[in-house]
């Protein structure tokens, strides 16, 4: 099994930046793909970005150019650098890890973009 813990959320003004991190523990060696999702109030969970063990990354067009996903396999961490944040980026951000046995989720970290 895999446990995921996110950190780095908080309150930021529009145009600001935040860097989210997610640390995997337990049996991180089984992880093949890690990613980030978000859920705004009243909305479903939205996929944002994913990265494989060999570093192939994908970011959805709606945040491409502002968000960057990266991974440190040696430290079993994945990060999401978020720049030029907008009020509509306000959401709970969740880290995910996919393995053959299934998908694991973190508890989420709140990101609020407001002046």
Protein backbone atom coordinates (compact mmCIF):
# COMPACT_ATOMS: atom_id res chain seq x y z
CA UNK A 1 0.00 0.00 0.00
CA UNK A 2 0.94 3.63 -0.43
CA UNK A 3 0.31 6.62 1.78
CA UNK A 4 0.37 10.12 0.32
CA UNK A 5 0.72 13.38 2.21
CA UNK A 6 0.32 16.73 0.48
CA UNK A 7 1.72 20.03 1.69
CA UNK A 8 2.19 23.57 0.48
CA UNK A 9 -1.36 24.81 0.16
CA UNK A 10 -2.54 28.13 1.50
CA UNK A 11 -3.90 31.56 0.70
CA UNK A 12 -2.34 33.50 -2.15
CA UNK A 13 -3.26 36.65 -4.04
CA UNK A 14 -4.19 36.51 -7.71
CA UNK A 15 -1.05 36.38 -9.81
CA UNK A 16 0.90 34.73 -7.05
CA UNK A 17 2.59 31.32 -6.90
CA UNK A 18 2.44 28.23 -4.76
CA UNK A 19 4.32 24.98 -4.82
CA UNK A 20 2.53 21.85 -3.69
CA UNK A 21 4.42 18.76 -2.66
CA UNK A 22 3.32 15.20 -2.12
CA UNK A 23 5.37 12.60 -0.29
CA UNK A 24 4.75 8.90 -0.79
CA UNK A 25 5.48 6.29 1.85
CA UNK A 26 4.68 2.68 2.53
CA UNK A 27 5.51 0.84 -0.68
CA UNK A 28 6.34 3.67 -3.09
CA UNK A 29 8.26 1.29 -5.34
CA UNK A 30 4.95 0.00 -6.72
CA UNK A 31 3.97 3.45 -8.01
CA UNK A 32 4.00 3.87 -11.79
CA UNK A 33 2.28 7.22 -12.29
CA UNK A 34 1.72 10.14 -9.97
CA UNK A 35 -0.61 13.04 -10.52
CA UNK A 36 -2.55 15.99 -9.24
CA UNK A 37 -6.26 16.62 -9.22
CA UNK A 38 -8.40 19.34 -7.73
CA UNK A 39 -11.94 19.80 -6.54
CA UNK A 40 -13.60 23.18 -6.26
CA UNK A 41 -16.73 23.65 -4.12
CA UNK A 42 -19.76 22.21 -5.87
CA UNK A 43 -17.68 20.59 -8.60
CA UNK A 44 -16.39 17.12 -9.27
CA UNK A 45 -12.74 16.15 -9.00
CA UNK A 46 -10.77 17.50 -11.93
CA UNK A 47 -7.60 15.97 -13.35
CA UNK A 48 -4.73 18.45 -13.71
CA UNK A 49 -1.42 16.76 -14.35
CA UNK A 50 0.40 13.46 -14.36
CA UNK A 51 3.99 12.24 -14.52
CA UNK A 52 5.44 8.77 -15.04
CA UNK A 53 8.38 7.10 -13.35
CA UNK A 54 10.64 8.05 -16.27
CA UNK A 55 9.57 11.67 -16.19
CA UNK A 56 7.00 11.89 -18.95
CA UNK A 57 4.72 14.71 -17.87
CA UNK A 58 1.33 15.95 -19.01
CA UNK A 59 -0.57 19.02 -17.89
CA UNK A 60 -4.10 19.76 -19.02
CA UNK A 61 -4.49 22.66 -21.45
CA UNK A 62 -6.50 24.75 -19.00
CA UNK A 63 -3.45 25.20 -16.76
CA UNK A 64 -0.63 24.56 -19.21
CA UNK A 65 1.95 27.31 -19.11
CA UNK A 66 1.06 28.16 -15.52
CA UNK A 67 1.36 24.79 -13.75
CA UNK A 68 4.35 22.43 -13.89
CA UNK A 69 4.52 18.93 -12.48
CA UNK A 70 7.80 17.37 -11.43
CA UNK A 71 8.91 14.23 -9.66
CA UNK A 72 11.85 13.15 -7.53
CA UNK A 73 11.77 9.37 -7.68
CA UNK A 74 14.70 9.06 -5.27
CA UNK A 75 12.73 10.95 -2.63
CA UNK A 76 9.33 9.54 -3.66
CA UNK A 77 7.87 12.99 -4.06
CA UNK A 78 5.87 14.79 -6.72
CA UNK A 79 5.43 18.54 -6.89
CA UNK A 80 3.10 20.96 -8.61
CA UNK A 81 4.47 24.44 -9.23
CA UNK A 82 1.59 26.84 -9.75
CA UNK A 83 2.24 30.31 -11.13
CA UNK A 84 -0.02 33.18 -12.18
CA UNK A 85 -2.74 31.84 -9.96
CA UNK A 86 -6.33 32.89 -10.57
CA UNK A 87 -9.36 32.91 -8.26
CA UNK A 88 -10.79 30.03 -10.28
CA UNK A 89 -7.81 27.90 -9.22
CA UNK A 90 -9.26 27.86 -5.72
CA UNK A 91 -9.86 24.23 -4.78
CA UNK A 92 -8.70 21.34 -2.68
CA UNK A 93 -5.73 19.78 -4.47
CA UNK A 94 -5.19 16.05 -4.26
CA UNK A 95 -2.14 13.97 -5.02
CA UNK A 96 -2.63 10.54 -6.58
CA UNK A 97 -0.43 7.53 -7.17
CA UNK A 98 -1.33 4.78 -9.59
CA UNK A 99 -0.05 1.23 -9.34
CA UNK A 100 -1.10 -2.13 -10.71
CA UNK A 101 -3.01 -2.79 -7.49
CA UNK A 102 -4.99 0.44 -7.76
CA UNK A 103 -4.94 4.18 -7.21
CA UNK A 104 -4.11 5.89 -3.94
CA UNK A 105 -5.09 9.38 -2.82
CA UNK A 106 -3.78 11.93 -0.41
CA UNK A 107 -5.99 13.79 2.01
CA UNK A 108 -5.86 17.02 -0.01
CA UNK A 109 -4.52 20.49 0.60
CA UNK A 110 -6.54 23.68 0.28
CA UNK A 111 -5.47 26.36 -2.17
CA UNK A 112 -7.31 29.66 -1.99
CA UNK A 113 -6.62 32.44 -4.47
CA UNK A 114 -8.12 35.69 -3.26
CA UNK A 115 -7.25 39.31 -2.73
